[in-house]
Amino acid sequence: MAKPDFEATWCPRIGKNAAEELRRGRKIVTFGIASPVFAIAAGLLIGTGTLDDVIGAASAAVVIVYIALFIRAQVRIAAALSEWYGVKIRGLPKMNPKRFDSWCEARGLHHPGEPVASGQAAGSSNVAPRQSQ
């Protein structure tokens, strides 16, 4: 997705900070496509000789670093979404516009400025203020 298309699609839905985190996360996922190759190499090489053990351990380390980066990216995206919606976001859907919109709708998430069912703009909280007695 080209940069203008990406921003036009995601910035109104999740805000600029979350969109940037999503962009970074997608770069990590692109790198992760090679992770199975490193994992297979590690499995095949470890235990076959000293040099192969070193290469296998290095391949396993690459996979471990990728997994850590992927988890960190998911946490950063969730934190940016939590900031945008004003509620704690823990799990993320697959990030394509149609699935994300239905995921938000199922959880009643409305970003600031989005019209909600009552016709009013959503604030940082969908809970009415408590009145003192």
C-alpha atoms as a PDB file:
ATOM      1  CA  MET A   1       0.000   0.000   0.000  1.00  0.00           C
ATOM      2  CA  ALA A   2       1.466   3.351  -1.034  1.00  0.00           C
ATOM      3  CA  LYS A   3       2.082   5.923   1.684  1.00  0.00           C
ATOM      4  CA  PRO A   4      -0.824   8.281   0.764  1.00  0.00           C
ATOM      5  CA  ASP A   5      -3.237   5.311   0.499  1.00  0.00           C
ATOM      6  CA  PHE A   6      -2.010   3.891   3.797  1.00  0.00           C
ATOM      7  CA  GLU A   7      -2.448   7.211   5.590  1.00  0.00           C
ATOM      8  CA  ALA A   8      -5.851   7.855   4.005  1.00  0.00           C
ATOM      9  CA  THR A   9      -7.012   4.405   5.078  1.00  0.00           C
ATOM     10  CA  TRP A  10      -5.589   4.179   8.601  1.00  0.00           C
ATOM     11  CA  CYS A  11      -5.135   7.693  10.047  1.00  0.00           C
ATOM     12  CA  PRO A  12      -8.899   8.391  10.280  1.00  0.00           C
ATOM     13  CA  ARG A  13      -9.465   4.961  11.867  1.00  0.00           C
ATOM     14  CA  ILE A  14      -6.611   4.712  14.359  1.00  0.00           C
ATOM     15  CA  GLY A  15      -4.871   8.087  14.487  1.00  0.00           C
ATOM     16  CA  LYS A  16      -1.449   9.169  13.284  1.00  0.00           C
ATOM     17  CA  ASN A  17       0.585   7.562  16.109  1.00  0.00           C
ATOM     18  CA  ALA A  18      -1.061   4.154  15.755  1.00  0.00           C
ATOM     19  CA  ALA A  19      -0.756   4.342  11.956  1.00  0.00           C
ATOM     20  CA  GLU A  20       2.995   4.930  12.262  1.00  0.00           C
ATOM     21  CA  GLU A  21       3.291   2.002  14.686  1.00  0.00           C
ATOM     22  CA  LEU A  22       1.311  -0.143  12.256  1.00  0.00           C
ATOM     23  CA  ARG A  23       3.658   0.872   9.430  1.00  0.00           C
ATOM     24  CA  ARG A  24       6.687  -0.126  11.530  1.00  0.00           C
ATOM     25  CA  GLY A  25       4.997  -3.383  12.468  1.00  0.00           C
ATOM     26  CA  ARG A  26       4.382  -4.240   8.826  1.00  0.00           C
ATOM     27  CA  LYS A  27       8.078  -3.824   8.100  1.00  0.00           C
ATOM     28  CA  ILE A  28       8.865  -6.309  10.857  1.00  0.00           C
ATOM     29  CA  VAL A  29       6.332  -8.785   9.456  1.00  0.00           C
ATOM     30  CA  THR A  30       7.938  -8.469   6.028  1.00  0.00           C
ATOM     31  CA  PHE A  31      11.277  -9.465   7.548  1.00  0.00           C
ATOM     32  CA  GLY A  32       9.597 -12.300   9.433  1.00  0.00           C
ATOM     33  CA  ILE A  33       8.665 -14.109   6.230  1.00  0.00           C
ATOM     34  CA  ALA A  34      12.227 -15.514   6.248  1.00  0.00           C
ATOM     35  CA  SER A  35      11.950 -16.736   9.859  1.00  0.00           C
ATOM     36  CA  PRO A  36      10.813 -20.260   8.962  1.00  0.00           C
ATOM     37  CA  VAL A  37      13.933 -20.648   6.820  1.00  0.00           C
ATOM     38  CA  PHE A  38      16.136 -19.676   9.765  1.00  0.00           C
ATOM     39  CA  ALA A  39      14.189 -21.992  12.088  1.00  0.00           C
ATOM     40  CA  ILE A  40      14.535 -24.954   9.719  1.00  0.00           C
ATOM     41  CA  ALA A  41      18.225 -24.213   9.251  1.00  0.00           C
ATOM     42  CA  ALA A  42      18.710 -24.132  13.021  1.00  0.00           C
ATOM     43  CA  GLY A  43      16.925 -27.450  13.428  1.00  0.00           C
ATOM     44  CA  LEU A  44      18.939 -29.122  10.707  1.00  0.00           C
ATOM     45  CA  LEU A  45      22.324 -27.734  11.693  1.00  0.00           C
ATOM     46  CA  ILE A  46      22.403 -28.020  15.478  1.00  0.00           C
ATOM     47  CA  GLY A  47      24.014 -31.288  16.541  1.00  0.00           C
ATOM     48  CA  THR A  48      25.823 -32.039  13.269  1.00  0.00           C
ATOM     49  CA  GLY A  49      29.225 -30.482  14.000  1.00  0.00           C
ATOM     50  CA  THR A  50      30.890 -27.612  15.785  1.00  0.00           C
ATOM     51  CA  LEU A  51      30.676 -25.079  12.958  1.00  0.00           C
ATOM     52  CA  ASP A  52      27.145 -26.212  12.138  1.00  0.00           C
ATOM     53  CA  ASP A  53      26.190 -25.796  15.817  1.00  0.00           C
ATOM     54  CA  VAL A  54      27.411 -22.203  15.754  1.00  0.00           C
ATOM     55  CA  ILE A  55      25.555 -21.443  12.522  1.00  0.00           C
ATOM     56  CA  GLY A  56      22.445 -23.220  13.828  1.00  0.00           C
ATOM     57  CA  ALA A  57      22.566 -21.285  17.108  1.00  0.00           C
ATOM     58  CA  ALA A  58      22.927 -18.031  15.177  1.00  0.00           C
ATOM     59  CA  SER A  59      19.909 -18.988  13.040  1.00  0.00           C
ATOM     60  CA  ALA A  60      17.897 -19.761  16.170  1.00  0.00           C
ATOM     61  CA  ALA A  61      18.938 -16.407  17.643  1.00  0.00           C
ATOM     62  CA  VAL A  62      17.645 -14.637  14.519  1.00  0.00           C
ATOM     63  CA  VAL A  63      14.242 -16.306  14.970  1.00  0.00           C
ATOM     64  CA  ILE A  64      14.142 -15.387  18.672  1.00  0.00           C
ATOM     65  CA  VAL A  65      14.992 -11.749  17.909  1.00  0.00           C
ATOM     66  CA  TYR A  66      12.291 -11.643  15.241  1.00  0.00           C
ATOM     67  CA  ILE A  67       9.673 -13.030  17.637  1.00  0.00           C
ATOM     68  CA  ALA A  68      10.661 -10.453  20.273  1.00  0.00           C
ATOM     69  CA  LEU A  69      10.450  -7.625  17.723  1.00  0.00           C
ATOM     70  CA  PHE A  70       7.068  -8.854  16.505  1.00  0.00           C
ATOM     71  CA  ILE A  71       5.637  -9.011  20.032  1.00  0.00           C
ATOM     72  CA  ARG A  72       7.060  -5.571  20.833  1.00  0.00           C
ATOM     73  CA  ALA A  73       5.476  -4.142  17.665  1.00  0.00           C
ATOM     74  CA  GLN A  74       2.085  -5.618  18.608  1.00  0.00           C
ATOM     75  CA  VAL A  75       2.331  -4.124  22.103  1.00  0.00           C
ATOM     76  CA  ARG A  76       3.240  -0.711  20.674  1.00  0.00           C
ATOM     77  CA  ILE A  77       0.309  -0.802  18.236  1.00  0.00           C
ATOM     78  CA  ALA A  78      -2.067  -1.817  21.039  1.00  0.00           C
ATOM     79  CA  ALA A  79      -0.739   1.007  23.244  1.00  0.00           C
ATOM     80  CA  ALA A  80      -1.238   3.559  20.454  1.00  0.00           C
ATOM     81  CA  LEU A  81      -4.768   2.244  19.841  1.00  0.00           C
ATOM     82  CA  SER A  82      -5.487   2.429  23.576  1.00  0.00           C
ATOM     83  CA  GLU A  83      -4.434   6.072  23.546  1.00  0.00           C
ATOM     84  CA  TRP A  84      -6.597   6.807  20.486  1.00  0.00           C
ATOM     85  CA  TYR A  85      -9.754   5.105  21.758  1.00  0.00           C
ATOM     86  CA  GLY A  86      -9.284   5.957  25.427  1.00  0.00           C
ATOM     87  CA  VAL A  87      -9.683   2.343  26.595  1.00  0.00           C
ATOM     88  CA  LYS A  88      -7.177  -0.448  27.179  1.00  0.00           C
ATOM     89  CA  ILE A  89      -6.711  -2.514  24.008  1.00  0.00           C
ATOM     90  CA  ARG A  90      -5.184  -5.943  24.567  1.00  0.00           C
ATOM     91  CA  GLY A  91      -5.664  -8.114  21.485  1.00  0.00           C
ATOM     92  CA  LEU A  92      -5.485  -6.920  17.911  1.00  0.00           C
ATOM     93  CA  PRO A  93      -7.448  -8.129  14.890  1.00  0.00           C
ATOM     94  CA  LYS A  94      -5.885  -8.746  11.520  1.00  0.00           C
ATOM     95  CA  MET A  95      -5.216  -5.218  10.388  1.00  0.00           C
ATOM     96  CA  ASN A  96      -7.165  -4.802   7.199  1.00  0.00           C
ATOM     97  CA  PRO A  97      -9.809  -2.077   7.042  1.00  0.00           C
ATOM     98  CA  LYS A  98     -12.901  -4.301   6.767  1.00  0.00           C
ATOM     99  CA  ARG A  99     -11.919  -6.638   9.622  1.00  0.00           C
ATOM    100  CA  PHE A 100     -10.718  -3.768  11.776  1.00  0.00           C
ATOM    101  CA  ASP A 101     -13.981  -1.851  11.329  1.00  0.00           C
ATOM    102  CA  SER A 102     -16.078  -4.888  12.282  1.00  0.00           C
ATOM    103  CA  TRP A 103     -13.750  -5.558  15.254  1.00  0.00           C
ATOM    104  CA  CYS A 104     -14.269  -1.968  16.474  1.00  0.00           C
ATOM    105  CA  GLU A 105     -18.003  -2.199  15.934  1.00  0.00           C
ATOM    106  CA  ALA A 106     -18.227  -5.462  17.917  1.00  0.00           C
ATOM    107  CA  ARG A 107     -16.419  -3.800  20.848  1.00  0.00           C
ATOM    108  CA  GLY A 108     -18.246  -0.484  20.637  1.00  0.00           C
ATOM    109  CA  LEU A 109     -15.041   1.447  19.961  1.00  0.00           C
ATOM    110  CA  HIS A 110     -15.495   4.941  18.557  1.00  0.00           C
ATOM    111  CA  HIS A 111     -12.614   7.280  17.890  1.00  0.00           C
ATOM    112  CA  PRO A 112     -12.754  10.956  18.814  1.00  0.00           C
ATOM    113  CA  GLY A 113     -14.941  12.885  16.403  1.00  0.00           C
ATOM    114  CA  GLU A 114     -16.748   9.830  15.031  1.00  0.00           C
ATOM    115  CA  PRO A 115     -20.533  10.073  15.087  1.00  0.00           C
ATOM    116  CA  VAL A 116     -22.140   7.398  17.275  1.00  0.00           C
ATOM    117  CA  ALA A 117     -25.693   6.032  17.334  1.00  0.00           C
ATOM    118  CA  SER A 118     -27.032   8.897  19.458  1.00  0.00           C
ATOM    119  CA  GLY A 119     -25.855  11.398  16.857  1.00  0.00           C
ATOM    120  CA  GLN A 120     -23.227  12.902  19.153  1.00  0.00           C
ATOM    121  CA  ALA A 121     -19.511  12.723  18.686  1.00  0.00           C
ATOM    122  CA  ALA A 122     -17.748  10.111  20.793  1.00  0.00           C
ATOM    123  CA  GLY A 123     -15.537  11.381  23.566  1.00  0.00           C
ATOM    124  CA  SER A 124     -12.725   9.550  25.285  1.00  0.00           C
ATOM    125  CA  SER A 125     -15.315   7.572  27.251  1.00  0.00           C
ATOM    126  CA  ASN A 126     -18.718   6.188  26.405  1.00  0.00           C
ATOM    127  CA  VAL A 127     -19.738   6.180  30.079  1.00  0.00           C
ATOM    128  CA  ALA A 128     -22.038   8.891  31.396  1.00  0.00           C
ATOM    129  CA  PRO A 129     -20.623  10.943  34.272  1.00  0.00           C
ATOM    130  CA  ARG A 130     -21.739   9.889  37.717  1.00  0.00           C
ATOM    131  CA  GLN A 131     -23.942  12.289  39.674  1.00  0.00           C
ATOM    132  CA  SER A 132     -23.323  12.778  43.371  1.00  0.00           C
ATOM    133  CA  GLN A 133     -26.173  12.138  45.784  1.00  0.00           C
END
